[in-house]
Amino acid sequence: MGVTVENADCAFRIDELRETGAAIKFLSFEPLLGAIPEIDLKGIDWVIVGGESGPKARPMKAQWATDIRDQCLAANVPFFFKQWGGINKKKAGRILDDRTWDDMPQTADLWETNYV
């Protein structure tokens, strides 16, 4: 189960997700529309970041994405960078700091712990 957190005003959703009984909890910072400092990643299994896409897409600053990535690395939470977004999201790509970020949660371990 996951929640979307577009900016710091929506960060309260993280605590609400943490209160659920979901076996896997993920955060989707997409579309990322602002900085989100000091994220409490306790109990979070996966983080996805991406920019808004489409004809009226609002821009995502690189610092917002790299800050979340750095918080994930510090907390040992898998980080997935989905896209920069924009009018032509395929052209904008999904490279962040010279690489792709495709980390995934350890679902096999979580499945075995919760269901076997």
PDB file of N, CA and C in Angstrom:
ATOM      1  N   MET A   1       0.856  -1.159   0.000  1.00  0.00           N
ATOM      2  CA  MET A   1       0.000   0.000   0.000  1.00  0.00           C
ATOM      3  C   MET A   1       0.906   1.227   0.000  1.00  0.00           C
ATOM      4  N   GLY A   2       0.471   2.247  -0.704  1.00  0.00           N
ATOM      5  CA  GLY A   2       1.277   3.454  -0.767  1.00  0.00           C
ATOM      6  C   GLY A   2       0.437   4.707  -0.726  1.00  0.00           C
ATOM      7  N   VAL A   3       1.123   5.820  -0.541  1.00  0.00           N
ATOM      8  CA  VAL A   3       0.489   7.136  -0.576  1.00  0.00           C
ATOM      9  C   VAL A   3       1.308   8.058  -1.467  1.00  0.00           C
ATOM     10  N   THR A   4       0.613   9.027  -2.053  1.00  0.00           N
ATOM     11  CA  THR A   4       1.258  10.058  -2.841  1.00  0.00           C
ATOM     12  C   THR A   4       1.532  11.257  -1.940  1.00  0.00           C
ATOM     13  N   VAL A   5       2.746  11.784  -2.045  1.00  0.00           N
ATOM     14  CA  VAL A   5       3.148  12.962  -1.275  1.00  0.00           C
ATOM     15  C   VAL A   5       3.790  13.925  -2.267  1.00  0.00           C
ATOM     16  N   GLU A   6       3.039  14.961  -2.664  1.00  0.00           N
ATOM     17  CA  GLU A   6       3.513  15.884  -3.689  1.00  0.00           C
ATOM     18  C   GLU A   6       4.449  16.963  -3.155  1.00  0.00           C
ATOM     19  N   ASN A   7       4.252  17.344  -1.901  1.00  0.00           N
ATOM     20  CA  ASN A   7       5.051  18.403  -1.285  1.00  0.00           C
ATOM     21  C   ASN A   7       4.960  18.265   0.234  1.00  0.00           C
ATOM     22  N   ALA A   8       5.620  19.139   0.962  1.00  0.00           N
ATOM     23  CA  ALA A   8       5.661  19.039   2.424  1.00  0.00           C
ATOM     24  C   ALA A   8       4.279  19.146   3.060  1.00  0.00           C
ATOM     25  N   ASP A   9       3.357  19.860   2.434  1.00  0.00           N
ATOM     26  CA  ASP A   9       2.003  19.984   2.986  1.00  0.00           C
ATOM     27  C   ASP A   9       1.266  18.641   3.033  1.00  0.00           C
ATOM     28  N   CYS A  10       1.697  17.690   2.233  1.00  0.00           N
ATOM     29  CA  CYS A  10       1.039  16.381   2.166  1.00  0.00           C
ATOM     30  C   CYS A  10       1.791  15.304   2.948  1.00  0.00           C
ATOM     31  N   ALA A  11       2.849  15.670   3.653  1.00  0.00           N
ATOM     32  CA  ALA A  11       3.678  14.694   4.368  1.00  0.00           C
ATOM     33  C   ALA A  11       2.924  13.980   5.484  1.00  0.00           C
ATOM     34  N   PHE A  12       1.821  14.534   5.974  1.00  0.00           N
ATOM     35  CA  PHE A  12       1.021  13.879   7.013  1.00  0.00           C
ATOM     36  C   PHE A  12       0.541  12.499   6.547  1.00  0.00           C
ATOM     37  N   ARG A  13       0.437  12.303   5.251  1.00  0.00           N
ATOM     38  CA  ARG A  13      -0.021  11.015   4.713  1.00  0.00           C
ATOM     39  C   ARG A  13       0.948   9.882   5.057  1.00  0.00           C
ATOM     40  N   ILE A  14       2.216  10.217   5.262  1.00  0.00           N
ATOM     41  CA  ILE A  14       3.208   9.193   5.596  1.00  0.00           C
ATOM     42  C   ILE A  14       2.864   8.560   6.939  1.00  0.00           C
ATOM     43  N   ASP A  15       2.511   9.362   7.922  1.00  0.00           N
ATOM     44  CA  ASP A  15       2.123   8.827   9.232  1.00  0.00           C
ATOM     45  C   ASP A  15       0.863   7.985   9.127  1.00  0.00           C
ATOM     46  N   GLU A  16      -0.084   8.408   8.301  1.00  0.00           N
ATOM     47  CA  GLU A  16      -1.312   7.643   8.122  1.00  0.00           C
ATOM     48  C   GLU A  16      -1.023   6.281   7.478  1.00  0.00           C
ATOM     49  N   LEU A  17      -0.105   6.251   6.513  1.00  0.00           N
ATOM     50  CA  LEU A  17       0.289   4.991   5.894  1.00  0.00           C
ATOM     51  C   LEU A  17       0.938   4.074   6.922  1.00  0.00           C
ATOM     52  N   ARG A  18       1.807   4.639   7.743  1.00  0.00           N
ATOM     53  CA  ARG A  18       2.520   3.854   8.740  1.00  0.00           C
ATOM     54  C   ARG A  18       1.546   3.155   9.701  1.00  0.00           C
ATOM     55  N   GLU A  19       0.385   3.756   9.928  1.00  0.00           N
ATOM     56  CA  GLU A  19      -0.612   3.205  10.846  1.00  0.00           C
ATOM     57  C   GLU A  19      -1.407   2.046  10.251  1.00  0.00           C
ATOM     58  N   THR A  20      -1.288   1.808   8.954  1.00  0.00           N
ATOM     59  CA  THR A  20      -2.026   0.705   8.324  1.00  0.00           C
ATOM     60  C   THR A  20      -1.328  -0.621   8.614  1.00  0.00           C
ATOM     61  N   GLY A  21      -2.028  -1.684   8.360  1.00  0.00           N
ATOM     62  CA  GLY A  21      -1.448  -3.013   8.535  1.00  0.00           C
ATOM     63  C   GLY A  21      -0.844  -3.572   7.267  1.00  0.00           C
ATOM     64  N   ALA A  22      -0.630  -2.728   6.266  1.00  0.00           N
ATOM     65  CA  ALA A  22      -0.083  -3.189   4.988  1.00  0.00           C
ATOM     66  C   ALA A  22       1.281  -3.848   5.182  1.00  0.00           C
ATOM     67  N   ALA A  23       1.495  -4.948   4.471  1.00  0.00           N
ATOM     68  CA  ALA A  23       2.767  -5.659   4.566  1.00  0.00           C
ATOM     69  C   ALA A  23       3.904  -4.870   3.934  1.00  0.00           C
ATOM     70  N   ILE A  24       3.617  -4.176   2.843  1.00  0.00           N
ATOM     71  CA  ILE A  24       4.617  -3.358   2.156  1.00  0.00           C
ATOM     72  C   ILE A  24       4.058  -1.945   2.077  1.00  0.00           C
ATOM     73  N   LYS A  25       4.850  -0.986   2.532  1.00  0.00           N
ATOM     74  CA  LYS A  25       4.429   0.412   2.528  1.00  0.00           C
ATOM     75  C   LYS A  25       5.386   1.208   1.653  1.00  0.00           C
ATOM     76  N   PHE A  26       4.804   1.963   0.691  1.00  0.00           N
ATOM     77  CA  PHE A  26       5.660   2.758  -0.181  1.00  0.00           C
ATOM     78  C   PHE A  26       5.154   4.187  -0.291  1.00  0.00           C
ATOM     79  N   LEU A  27       6.085   5.068  -0.613  1.00  0.00           N
ATOM     80  CA  LEU A  27       5.787   6.482  -0.819  1.00  0.00           C
ATOM     81  C   LEU A  27       6.012   6.812  -2.280  1.00  0.00           C
ATOM     82  N   SER A  28       5.031   7.476  -2.873  1.00  0.00           N
ATOM     83  CA  SER A  28       5.158   7.942  -4.240  1.00  0.00           C
ATOM     84  C   SER A  28       5.228   9.465  -4.220  1.00  0.00           C
ATOM     85  N   PHE A  29       6.417   9.976  -4.382  1.00  0.00           N
ATOM     86  CA  PHE A  29       6.620  11.421  -4.481  1.00  0.00           C
ATOM     87  C   PHE A  29       6.499  11.781  -5.956  1.00  0.00           C
ATOM     88  N   GLU A  30       5.283  11.642  -6.461  1.00  0.00           N
ATOM     89  CA  GLU A  30       5.026  11.884  -7.874  1.00  0.00           C
ATOM     90  C   GLU A  30       3.586  12.341  -8.070  1.00  0.00           C
ATOM     91  N   PRO A  31       3.377  13.478  -8.611  1.00  0.00           N
ATOM     92  CA  PRO A  31       4.413  14.401  -9.064  1.00  0.00           C
ATOM     93  C   PRO A  31       5.047  15.133  -7.883  1.00  0.00           C
ATOM     94  N   LEU A  32       6.351  15.206  -7.870  1.00  0.00           N
ATOM     95  CA  LEU A  32       7.065  15.935  -6.827  1.00  0.00           C
ATOM     96  C   LEU A  32       7.023  17.419  -7.164  1.00  0.00           C
ATOM     97  N   LEU A  33       6.330  18.176  -6.319  1.00  0.00           N
ATOM     98  CA  LEU A  33       6.087  19.598  -6.605  1.00  0.00           C
ATOM     99  C   LEU A  33       6.751  20.548  -5.611  1.00  0.00           C
ATOM    100  N   GLY A  34       7.556  20.012  -4.713  1.00  0.00           N
ATOM    101  CA  GLY A  34       8.243  20.866  -3.755  1.00  0.00           C
ATOM    102  C   GLY A  34       9.205  20.050  -2.916  1.00  0.00           C
ATOM    103  N   ALA A  35      10.051  20.751  -2.186  1.00  0.00           N
ATOM    104  CA  ALA A  35      11.019  20.099  -1.303  1.00  0.00           C
ATOM    105  C   ALA A  35      10.290  19.421  -0.148  1.00  0.00           C
ATOM    106  N   ILE A  36      10.840  18.286   0.277  1.00  0.00           N
ATOM    107  CA  ILE A  36      10.279  17.570   1.422  1.00  0.00           C
ATOM    108  C   ILE A  36      11.444  17.180   2.332  1.00  0.00           C
ATOM    109  N   PRO A  37      11.825  18.090   3.197  1.00  0.00           N
ATOM    110  CA  PRO A  37      12.970  17.824   4.075  1.00  0.00           C
ATOM    111  C   PRO A  37      12.588  16.924   5.251  1.00  0.00           C
ATOM    112  N   GLU A  38      13.566  16.254   5.794  1.00  0.00           N
ATOM    113  CA  GLU A  38      13.428  15.465   7.024  1.00  0.00           C
ATOM    114  C   GLU A  38      12.241  14.503   7.010  1.00  0.00           C
ATOM    115  N   ILE A  39      12.233  13.608   6.046  1.00  0.00           N
ATOM    116  CA  ILE A  39      11.182  12.605   5.929  1.00  0.00           C
ATOM    117  C   ILE A  39      11.452  11.491   6.941  1.00  0.00           C
ATOM    118  N   ASP A  40      10.436  11.128   7.727  1.00  0.00           N
ATOM    119  CA  ASP A  40      10.552   9.993   8.638  1.00  0.00           C
ATOM    120  C   ASP A  40      10.283   8.729   7.825  1.00  0.00           C
ATOM    121  N   LEU A  41      11.324   7.972   7.538  1.00  0.00           N
ATOM    122  CA  LEU A  41      11.201   6.785   6.695  1.00  0.00           C
ATOM    123  C   LEU A  41      11.071   5.503   7.503  1.00  0.00           C
ATOM    124  N   LYS A  42      10.900   5.607   8.800  1.00  0.00           N
ATOM    125  CA  LYS A  42      10.722   4.427   9.647  1.00  0.00           C
ATOM    126  C   LYS A  42       9.472   3.665   9.196  1.00  0.00           C
ATOM    127  N   GLY A  43       9.642   2.362   8.936  1.00  0.00           N
ATOM    128  CA  GLY A  43       8.524   1.523   8.528  1.00  0.00           C
ATOM    129  C   GLY A  43       8.160   1.635   7.061  1.00  0.00           C
ATOM    130  N   ILE A  44       8.929   2.375   6.298  1.00  0.00           N
ATOM    131  CA  ILE A  44       8.668   2.536   4.858  1.00  0.00           C
ATOM    132  C   ILE A  44       9.582   1.579   4.094  1.00  0.00           C
ATOM    133  N   ASP A  45       9.005   0.846   3.129  1.00  0.00           N
ATOM    134  CA  ASP A  45       9.751  -0.175   2.402  1.00  0.00           C
ATOM    135  C   ASP A  45      10.279   0.266   1.049  1.00  0.00           C
ATOM    136  N   TRP A  46       9.746   1.369   0.520  1.00  0.00           N
ATOM    137  CA  TRP A  46      10.138   1.754  -0.837  1.00  0.00           C
ATOM    138  C   TRP A  46       9.731   3.195  -1.087  1.00  0.00           C
ATOM    139  N   VAL A  47      10.540   3.921  -1.860  1.00  0.00           N
ATOM    140  CA  VAL A  47      10.246   5.306  -2.237  1.00  0.00           C
ATOM    141  C   VAL A  47      10.408   5.449  -3.752  1.00  0.00           C
ATOM    142  N   ILE A  48       9.398   6.071  -4.360  1.00  0.00           N
ATOM    143  CA  ILE A  48       9.398   6.356  -5.795  1.00  0.00           C
ATOM    144  C   ILE A  48       9.326   7.869  -5.969  1.00  0.00           C
ATOM    145  N   VAL A  49      10.148   8.424  -6.846  1.00  0.00           N
ATOM    146  CA  VAL A  49      10.146   9.862  -7.116  1.00  0.00           C
ATOM    147  C   VAL A  49       9.986  10.080  -8.613  1.00  0.00           C
ATOM    148  N   GLY A  50       9.173  11.077  -8.964  1.00  0.00           N
ATOM    149  CA  GLY A  50       9.023  11.417 -10.369  1.00  0.00           C
ATOM    150  C   GLY A  50       8.418  12.797 -10.550  1.00  0.00           C
ATOM    151  N   GLY A  51       8.711  13.377 -11.685  1.00  0.00           N
ATOM    152  CA  GLY A  51       8.150  14.667 -12.034  1.00  0.00           C
ATOM    153  C   GLY A  51       6.789  14.526 -12.704  1.00  0.00           C
ATOM    154  N   GLU A  52       6.088  15.621 -12.756  1.00  0.00           N
ATOM    155  CA  GLU A  52       4.780  15.652 -13.398  1.00  0.00           C
ATOM    156  C   GLU A  52       4.961  15.621 -14.912  1.00  0.00           C
ATOM    157  N   SER A  53       4.055  14.931 -15.596  1.00  0.00           N
ATOM    158  CA  SER A  53       4.146  14.885 -17.056  1.00  0.00           C
ATOM    159  C   SER A  53       2.860  15.407 -17.675  1.00  0.00           C
ATOM    160  N   GLY A  54       2.956  15.737 -18.966  1.00  0.00           N
ATOM    161  CA  GLY A  54       1.798  16.236 -19.688  1.00  0.00           C
ATOM    162  C   GLY A  54       1.978  17.678 -20.118  1.00  0.00           C
ATOM    163  N   PRO A  55       1.012  18.200 -20.872  1.00  0.00           N
ATOM    164  CA  PRO A  55       1.142  19.533 -21.464  1.00  0.00           C
ATOM    165  C   PRO A  55       1.220  20.677 -20.445  1.00  0.00           C
ATOM    166  N   LYS A  56       0.690  20.497 -19.251  1.00  0.00           N
ATOM    167  CA  LYS A  56       0.738  21.563 -18.240  1.00  0.00           C
ATOM    168  C   LYS A  56       1.613  21.167 -17.057  1.00  0.00           C
ATOM    169  N   ALA A  57       2.590  20.309 -17.309  1.00  0.00           N
ATOM    170  CA  ALA A  57       3.455  19.808 -16.251  1.00  0.00           C
ATOM    171  C   ALA A  57       4.225  20.932 -15.572  1.00  0.00           C
ATOM    172  N   ARG A  58       4.208  20.877 -14.248  1.00  0.00           N
ATOM    173  CA  ARG A  58       5.008  21.818 -13.465  1.00  0.00           C
ATOM    174  C   ARG A  58       6.393  21.220 -13.273  1.00  0.00           C
ATOM    175  N   PRO A  59       7.435  22.051 -13.278  1.00  0.00           N
ATOM    176  CA  PRO A  59       8.805  21.522 -13.208  1.00  0.00           C
ATOM    177  C   PRO A  59       9.158  20.971 -11.825  1.00  0.00           C
ATOM    178  N   MET A  60      10.035  19.987 -11.828  1.00  0.00           N
ATOM    179  CA  MET A  60      10.587  19.427 -10.603  1.00  0.00           C
ATOM    180  C   MET A  60      12.051  19.846 -10.525  1.00  0.00           C
ATOM    181  N   LYS A  61      12.455  20.383  -9.408  1.00  0.00           N
ATOM    182  CA  LYS A  61      13.857  20.761  -9.223  1.00  0.00           C
ATOM    183  C   LYS A  61      14.688  19.530  -8.875  1.00  0.00           C
ATOM    184  N   ALA A  62      15.876  19.452  -9.443  1.00  0.00           N
ATOM    185  CA  ALA A  62      16.771  18.320  -9.193  1.00  0.00           C
ATOM    186  C   ALA A  62      17.075  18.182  -7.704  1.00  0.00           C
ATOM    187  N   GLN A  63      17.247  19.286  -7.015  1.00  0.00           N
ATOM    188  CA  GLN A  63      17.572  19.238  -5.583  1.00  0.00           C
ATOM    189  C   GLN A  63      16.484  18.524  -4.775  1.00  0.00           C
ATOM    190  N   TRP A  64      15.226  18.691  -5.167  1.00  0.00           N
ATOM    191  CA  TRP A  64      14.139  17.999  -4.451  1.00  0.00           C
ATOM    192  C   TRP A  64      14.316  16.490  -4.561  1.00  0.00           C
ATOM    193  N   ALA A  65      14.612  16.016  -5.768  1.00  0.00           N
ATOM    194  CA  ALA A  65      14.769  14.581  -6.001  1.00  0.00           C
ATOM    195  C   ALA A  65      16.032  14.042  -5.330  1.00  0.00           C
ATOM    196  N   THR A  66      17.139  14.754  -5.454  1.00  0.00           N
ATOM    197  CA  THR A  66      18.382  14.256  -4.855  1.00  0.00           C
ATOM    198  C   THR A  66      18.315  14.278  -3.333  1.00  0.00           C
ATOM    199  N   ASP A  67      17.612  15.239  -2.769  1.00  0.00           N
ATOM    200  CA  ASP A  67      17.468  15.276  -1.312  1.00  0.00           C
ATOM    201  C   ASP A  67      16.702  14.043  -0.814  1.00  0.00           C
ATOM    202  N   ILE A  68      15.625  13.693  -1.499  1.00  0.00           N
ATOM    203  CA  ILE A  68      14.873  12.494  -1.112  1.00  0.00           C
ATOM    204  C   ILE A  68      15.727  11.248  -1.302  1.00  0.00           C
ATOM    205  N   ARG A  69      16.450  11.176  -2.417  1.00  0.00           N
ATOM    206  CA  ARG A  69      17.343  10.043  -2.659  1.00  0.00           C
ATOM    207  C   ARG A  69      18.354   9.905  -1.536  1.00  0.00           C
ATOM    208  N   ASP A  70      18.956  11.019  -1.135  1.00  0.00           N
ATOM    209  CA  ASP A  70      19.957  10.982  -0.065  1.00  0.00           C
ATOM    210  C   ASP A  70      19.350  10.542   1.265  1.00  0.00           C
ATOM    211  N   GLN A  71      18.122  10.970   1.535  1.00  0.00           N
ATOM    212  CA  GLN A  71      17.443  10.534   2.760  1.00  0.00           C
ATOM    213  C   GLN A  71      17.192   9.026   2.723  1.00  0.00           C
ATOM    214  N   CYS A  72      16.826   8.509   1.557  1.00  0.00           N
ATOM    215  CA  CYS A  72      16.609   7.067   1.405  1.00  0.00           C
ATOM    216  C   CYS A  72      17.910   6.288   1.610  1.00  0.00           C
ATOM    217  N   LEU A  73      18.981   6.771   1.008  1.00  0.00           N
ATOM    218  CA  LEU A  73      20.268   6.096   1.176  1.00  0.00           C
ATOM    219  C   LEU A  73      20.676   6.061   2.643  1.00  0.00           C
ATOM    220  N   ALA A  74      20.497   7.169   3.346  1.00  0.00           N
ATOM    221  CA  ALA A  74      20.855   7.242   4.769  1.00  0.00           C
ATOM    222  C   ALA A  74      20.008   6.293   5.613  1.00  0.00           C
ATOM    223  N   ALA A  75      18.753   6.084   5.212  1.00  0.00           N
ATOM    224  CA  ALA A  75      17.832   5.229   5.977  1.00  0.00           C
ATOM    225  C   ALA A  75      17.783   3.798   5.444  1.00  0.00           C
ATOM    226  N   ASN A  76      18.576   3.503   4.412  1.00  0.00           N
ATOM    227  CA  ASN A  76      18.595   2.183   3.784  1.00  0.00           C
ATOM    228  C   ASN A  76      17.215   1.768   3.262  1.00  0.00           C
ATOM    229  N   VAL A  77      16.549   2.714   2.602  1.00  0.00           N
ATOM    230  CA  VAL A  77      15.240   2.473   1.989  1.00  0.00           C
ATOM    231  C   VAL A  77      15.429   2.474   0.472  1.00  0.00           C
ATOM    232  N   PRO A  78      14.953   1.442  -0.222  1.00  0.00           N
ATOM    233  CA  PRO A  78      15.102   1.391  -1.680  1.00  0.00           C
ATOM    234  C   PRO A  78      14.489   2.627  -2.359  1.00  0.00           C
ATOM    235  N   PHE A  79      15.221   3.166  -3.326  1.00  0.00           N
ATOM    236  CA  PHE A  79      14.841   4.399  -4.027  1.00  0.00           C
ATOM    237  C   PHE A  79      14.714   4.111  -5.516  1.00  0.00           C
ATOM    238  N   PHE A  80      13.601   4.547  -6.104  1.00  0.00           N
ATOM    239  CA  PHE A  80      13.334   4.364  -7.526  1.00  0.00           C
ATOM    240  C   PHE A  80      13.026   5.728  -8.135  1.00  0.00           C
ATOM    241  N   PHE A  81      13.848   6.159  -9.103  1.00  0.00           N
ATOM    242  CA  PHE A  81      13.582   7.418  -9.799  1.00  0.00           C
ATOM    243  C   PHE A  81      12.867   7.103 -11.102  1.00  0.00           C
ATOM    244  N   LYS A  82      11.593   7.478 -11.181  1.00  0.00           N
ATOM    245  CA  LYS A  82      10.754   7.094 -12.310  1.00  0.00           C
ATOM    246  C   LYS A  82      10.944   7.965 -13.540  1.00  0.00           C
ATOM    247  N   GLN A  83      10.963   9.306 -13.354  1.00  0.00           N
ATOM    248  CA  GLN A  83      11.054  10.190 -14.519  1.00  0.00           C
ATOM    249  C   GLN A  83      11.236  11.636 -14.094  1.00  0.00           C
ATOM    250  N   TRP A  84      11.783  12.424 -15.040  1.00  0.00           N
ATOM    251  CA  TRP A  84      11.845  13.872 -14.840  1.00  0.00           C
ATOM    252  C   TRP A  84      10.498  14.511 -15.137  1.00  0.00           C
ATOM    253  N   GLY A  85       9.721  13.885 -16.008  1.00  0.00           N
ATOM    254  CA  GLY A  85       8.423  14.435 -16.379  1.00  0.00           C
ATOM    255  C   GLY A  85       8.566  15.480 -17.470  1.00  0.00           C
ATOM    256  N   GLY A  86       7.599  16.385 -17.509  1.00  0.00           N
ATOM    257  CA  GLY A  86       7.591  17.420 -18.533  1.00  0.00           C
ATOM    258  C   GLY A  86       6.652  17.071 -19.675  1.00  0.00           C
ATOM    259  N   ILE A  87       6.679  17.906 -20.691  1.00  0.00           N
ATOM    260  CA  ILE A  87       5.803  17.702 -21.841  1.00  0.00           C
ATOM    261  C   ILE A  87       6.162  16.417 -22.582  1.00  0.00           C
ATOM    262  N   ASN A  88       7.456  16.139 -22.717  1.00  0.00           N
ATOM    263  CA  ASN A  88       7.912  14.920 -23.383  1.00  0.00           C
ATOM    264  C   ASN A  88       8.750  14.121 -22.389  1.00  0.00           C
ATOM    265  N   LYS A  89       8.066  13.348 -21.531  1.00  0.00           N
ATOM    266  CA  LYS A  89       8.757  12.655 -20.455  1.00  0.00           C
ATOM    267  C   LYS A  89       9.785  11.643 -20.950  1.00  0.00           C
ATOM    268  N   LYS A  90       9.548  11.028 -22.099  1.00  0.00           N
ATOM    269  CA  LYS A  90      10.525  10.068 -22.623  1.00  0.00           C
ATOM    270  C   LYS A  90      11.825  10.768 -23.002  1.00  0.00           C
ATOM    271  N   LYS A  91      11.716  11.943 -23.581  1.00  0.00           N
ATOM    272  CA  LYS A  91      12.908  12.709 -23.956  1.00  0.00           C
ATOM    273  C   LYS A  91      13.662  13.189 -22.709  1.00  0.00           C
ATOM    274  N   ALA A  92      12.921  13.582 -21.677  1.00  0.00           N
ATOM    275  CA  ALA A  92      13.547  14.053 -20.442  1.00  0.00           C
ATOM    276  C   ALA A  92      14.275  12.924 -19.722  1.00  0.00           C
ATOM    277  N   GLY A  93      13.771  11.699 -19.862  1.00  0.00           N
ATOM    278  CA  GLY A  93      14.454  10.527 -19.312  1.00  0.00           C
ATOM    279  C   GLY A  93      14.280  10.337 -17.814  1.00  0.00           C
ATOM    280  N   ARG A  94      15.161   9.454 -17.306  1.00  0.00           N
ATOM    281  CA  ARG A  94      15.089   9.125 -15.889  1.00  0.00           C
ATOM    282  C   ARG A  94      16.471   8.985 -15.241  1.00  0.00           C
ATOM    283  N   ILE A  95      17.433   9.687 -15.822  1.00  0.00           N
ATOM    284  CA  ILE A  95      18.785   9.697 -15.251  1.00  0.00           C
ATOM    285  C   ILE A  95      18.855  10.767 -14.163  1.00  0.00           C
ATOM    286  N   LEU A  96      19.315  10.359 -12.991  1.00  0.00           N
ATOM    287  CA  LEU A  96      19.507  11.282 -11.862  1.00  0.00           C
ATOM    288  C   LEU A  96      20.944  11.138 -11.398  1.00  0.00           C
ATOM    289  N   ASP A  97      21.700  12.207 -11.435  1.00  0.00           N
ATOM    290  CA  ASP A  97      23.121  12.185 -11.064  1.00  0.00           C
ATOM    291  C   ASP A  97      23.877  11.076 -11.805  1.00  0.00           C
ATOM    292  N   ASP A  98      23.730  11.072 -13.116  1.00  0.00           N
ATOM    293  CA  ASP A  98      24.504  10.210 -14.009  1.00  0.00           C
ATOM    294  C   ASP A  98      24.179   8.719 -13.935  1.00  0.00           C
ATOM    295  N   ARG A  99      23.017   8.359 -13.378  1.00  0.00           N
ATOM    296  CA  ARG A  99      22.653   6.946 -13.363  1.00  0.00           C
ATOM    297  C   ARG A  99      21.146   6.781 -13.195  1.00  0.00           C
ATOM    298  N   THR A 100      20.679   5.576 -13.458  1.00  0.00           N
ATOM    299  CA  THR A 100      19.286   5.253 -13.159  1.00  0.00           C
ATOM    300  C   THR A 100      19.224   4.663 -11.757  1.00  0.00           C
ATOM    301  N   TRP A 101      18.112   4.886 -11.102  1.00  0.00           N
ATOM    302  CA  TRP A 101      17.870   4.382  -9.746  1.00  0.00           C
ATOM    303  C   TRP A 101      16.659   3.465  -9.823  1.00  0.00           C
ATOM    304  N   ASP A 102      16.898   2.163  -9.736  1.00  0.00           N
ATOM    305  CA  ASP A 102      15.858   1.155  -9.918  1.00  0.00           C
ATOM    306  C   ASP A 102      15.680   0.260  -8.696  1.00  0.00           C
ATOM    307  N   ASP A 103      16.019   0.746  -7.523  1.00  0.00           N
ATOM    308  CA  ASP A 103      15.914  -0.084  -6.328  1.00  0.00           C
ATOM    309  C   ASP A 103      14.463  -0.498  -6.089  1.00  0.00           C
ATOM    310  N   MET A 104      14.292  -1.708  -5.600  1.00  0.00           N
ATOM    311  CA  MET A 104      12.974  -2.272  -5.311  1.00  0.00           C
ATOM    312  C   MET A 104      12.981  -2.829  -3.888  1.00  0.00           C
ATOM    313  N   PRO A 105      11.793  -2.929  -3.274  1.00  0.00           N
ATOM    314  CA  PRO A 105      11.743  -3.508  -1.925  1.00  0.00           C
ATOM    315  C   PRO A 105      11.989  -5.017  -1.968  1.00  0.00           C
ATOM    316  N   GLN A 106      12.388  -5.558  -0.852  1.00  0.00           N
ATOM    317  CA  GLN A 106      12.620  -6.996  -0.743  1.00  0.00           C
ATOM    318  C   GLN A 106      11.294  -7.705  -0.500  1.00  0.00           C
ATOM    319  N   THR A 107      10.483  -7.788  -1.519  1.00  0.00           N
ATOM    320  CA  THR A 107       9.128  -8.326  -1.367  1.00  0.00           C
ATOM    321  C   THR A 107       9.127  -9.792  -0.967  1.00  0.00           C
ATOM    322  N   ALA A 108      10.068 -10.567  -1.429  1.00  0.00           N
ATOM    323  CA  ALA A 108      10.089 -11.989  -1.088  1.00  0.00           C
ATOM    324  C   ALA A 108      10.236 -12.166   0.419  1.00  0.00           C
ATOM    325  N   ASP A 109      11.136 -11.421   1.022  1.00  0.00           N
ATOM    326  CA  ASP A 109      11.323 -11.503   2.477  1.00  0.00           C
ATOM    327  C   ASP A 109      10.070 -11.044   3.214  1.00  0.00           C
ATOM    328  N   LEU A 110       9.452  -9.965   2.751  1.00  0.00           N
ATOM    329  CA  LEU A 110       8.248  -9.452   3.400  1.00  0.00           C
ATOM    330  C   LEU A 110       7.100 -10.438   3.261  1.00  0.00           C
ATOM    331  N   TRP A 111       6.965 -11.045   2.092  1.00  0.00           N
ATOM    332  CA  TRP A 111       5.897 -12.024   1.863  1.00  0.00           C
ATOM    333  C   TRP A 111       6.055 -13.195   2.829  1.00  0.00           C
ATOM    334  N   GLU A 112       7.275 -13.727   2.926  1.00  0.00           N
ATOM    335  CA  GLU A 112       7.517 -14.886   3.781  1.00  0.00           C
ATOM    336  C   GLU A 112       7.243 -14.544   5.243  1.00  0.00           C
ATOM    337  N   THR A 113       7.657 -13.376   5.700  1.00  0.00           N
ATOM    338  CA  THR A 113       7.454 -12.963   7.082  1.00  0.00           C
ATOM    339  C   THR A 113       5.967 -12.805   7.407  1.00  0.00           C
ATOM    340  N   ASN A 114       5.191 -12.289   6.493  1.00  0.00           N
ATOM    341  CA  ASN A 114       3.805 -11.959   6.762  1.00  0.00           C
ATOM    342  C   ASN A 114       2.788 -13.035   6.388  1.00  0.00           C
ATOM    343  N   TYR A 115       3.138 -13.952   5.499  1.00  0.00           N
ATOM    344  CA  TYR A 115       2.134 -14.872   4.988  1.00  0.00           C
ATOM    345  C   TYR A 115       2.480 -16.348   5.094  1.00  0.00           C
ATOM    346  N   VAL A 116       3.668 -16.699   5.485  1.00  0.00           N
ATOM    347  CA  VAL A 116       4.031 -18.133   5.552  1.00  0.00           C
ATOM    348  C   VAL A 116       3.992 -18.596   6.980  1.00  0.00           C
TER     349      VAL A 116
END
